[in-house]
Amino acid sequence: MMQPNEQRNIEELRGILVEVAETLEAVIIALQAERAGNEPGYVIREAVRRVVQLRQHLDSLEERGA
């Protein structure tokens, strides 16, 4: 069984990960806007895919209460 401190630490870390994912999303959006009119390159598309995957994973953990 987890101690209250451990649970709080896990919740804090999850919050930090969500902030990192949100920041990455903002950076990617800024990069896409900078390239307006051009089709996004592979690197940007891959970054978007990975950030979306991270957010979905974090959301699923939150829904499961992990």
Protein backbone atom coordinates (compact mmCIF):
# COMPACT_ATOMS: atom_id res chain seq x y z
CA MET A 1 0.00 0.00 0.00
CA MET A 2 1.27 3.45 -0.89
CA GLN A 3 2.06 5.95 1.80
CA PRO A 4 0.31 9.35 1.58
CA ASN A 5 3.63 11.04 0.73
CA GLU A 6 4.25 8.61 -2.13
CA GLN A 7 0.79 9.24 -3.58
CA ARG A 8 1.28 13.01 -3.33
CA ASN A 9 4.69 12.72 -5.03
CA ILE A 10 3.19 10.69 -7.86
CA GLU A 11 0.41 13.24 -8.31
CA GLU A 12 2.97 16.07 -8.38
CA LEU A 13 5.08 14.24 -10.97
CA ARG A 14 2.01 13.59 -13.11
CA GLY A 15 1.17 17.29 -12.93
CA ILE A 16 4.69 18.17 -14.03
CA LEU A 17 4.45 15.74 -16.96
CA VAL A 18 1.17 17.30 -18.05
CA GLU A 19 2.79 20.75 -17.93
CA VAL A 20 5.71 19.45 -20.03
CA ALA A 21 3.30 17.99 -22.58
CA GLU A 22 1.33 21.25 -22.73
CA THR A 23 4.55 23.22 -23.20
CA LEU A 24 5.66 20.91 -26.00
CA GLU A 25 2.29 21.37 -27.68
CA ALA A 26 2.69 25.15 -27.50
CA VAL A 27 6.20 24.98 -28.97
CA ILE A 28 5.03 22.76 -31.81
CA ILE A 29 2.10 25.06 -32.56
CA ALA A 30 4.52 28.00 -32.67
CA LEU A 31 6.81 26.11 -35.04
CA GLN A 32 3.89 25.24 -37.29
CA ALA A 33 2.74 28.87 -37.34
CA GLU A 34 6.26 29.98 -38.25
CA ARG A 35 6.15 27.64 -41.23
CA ALA A 36 2.72 28.90 -42.30
CA GLY A 37 2.02 28.15 -45.91
CA ASN A 38 4.48 25.27 -45.96
CA GLU A 39 3.53 21.70 -45.29
CA PRO A 40 4.90 20.65 -41.89
CA GLY A 41 8.04 18.59 -42.20
CA TYR A 42 8.50 15.07 -40.92
CA VAL A 43 10.18 16.24 -37.70
CA ILE A 44 7.26 18.48 -36.73
CA ARG A 45 4.67 15.82 -37.64
CA GLU A 46 6.56 13.24 -35.58
CA ALA A 47 6.82 15.67 -32.64
CA VAL A 48 3.07 16.28 -32.79
CA ARG A 49 2.39 12.54 -32.91
CA ARG A 50 4.62 11.87 -29.90
CA VAL A 51 3.19 14.72 -27.80
CA VAL A 52 -0.37 13.61 -28.58
CA GLN A 53 0.58 10.06 -27.63
CA LEU A 54 2.05 11.31 -24.33
CA ARG A 55 -1.07 13.35 -23.52
CA GLN A 56 -3.33 10.38 -24.29
CA HIS A 57 -1.22 8.16 -22.05
CA LEU A 58 -1.31 10.68 -19.19
CA ASP A 59 -5.08 11.12 -19.63
CA SER A 60 -5.63 7.35 -19.53
CA LEU A 61 -3.56 7.08 -16.34
CA GLU A 62 -5.63 9.84 -14.76
CA GLU A 63 -8.90 8.14 -15.77
CA ARG A 64 -7.73 4.88 -14.22
CA GLY A 65 -6.68 6.71 -11.08
CA ALA A 66 -3.11 5.47 -11.39
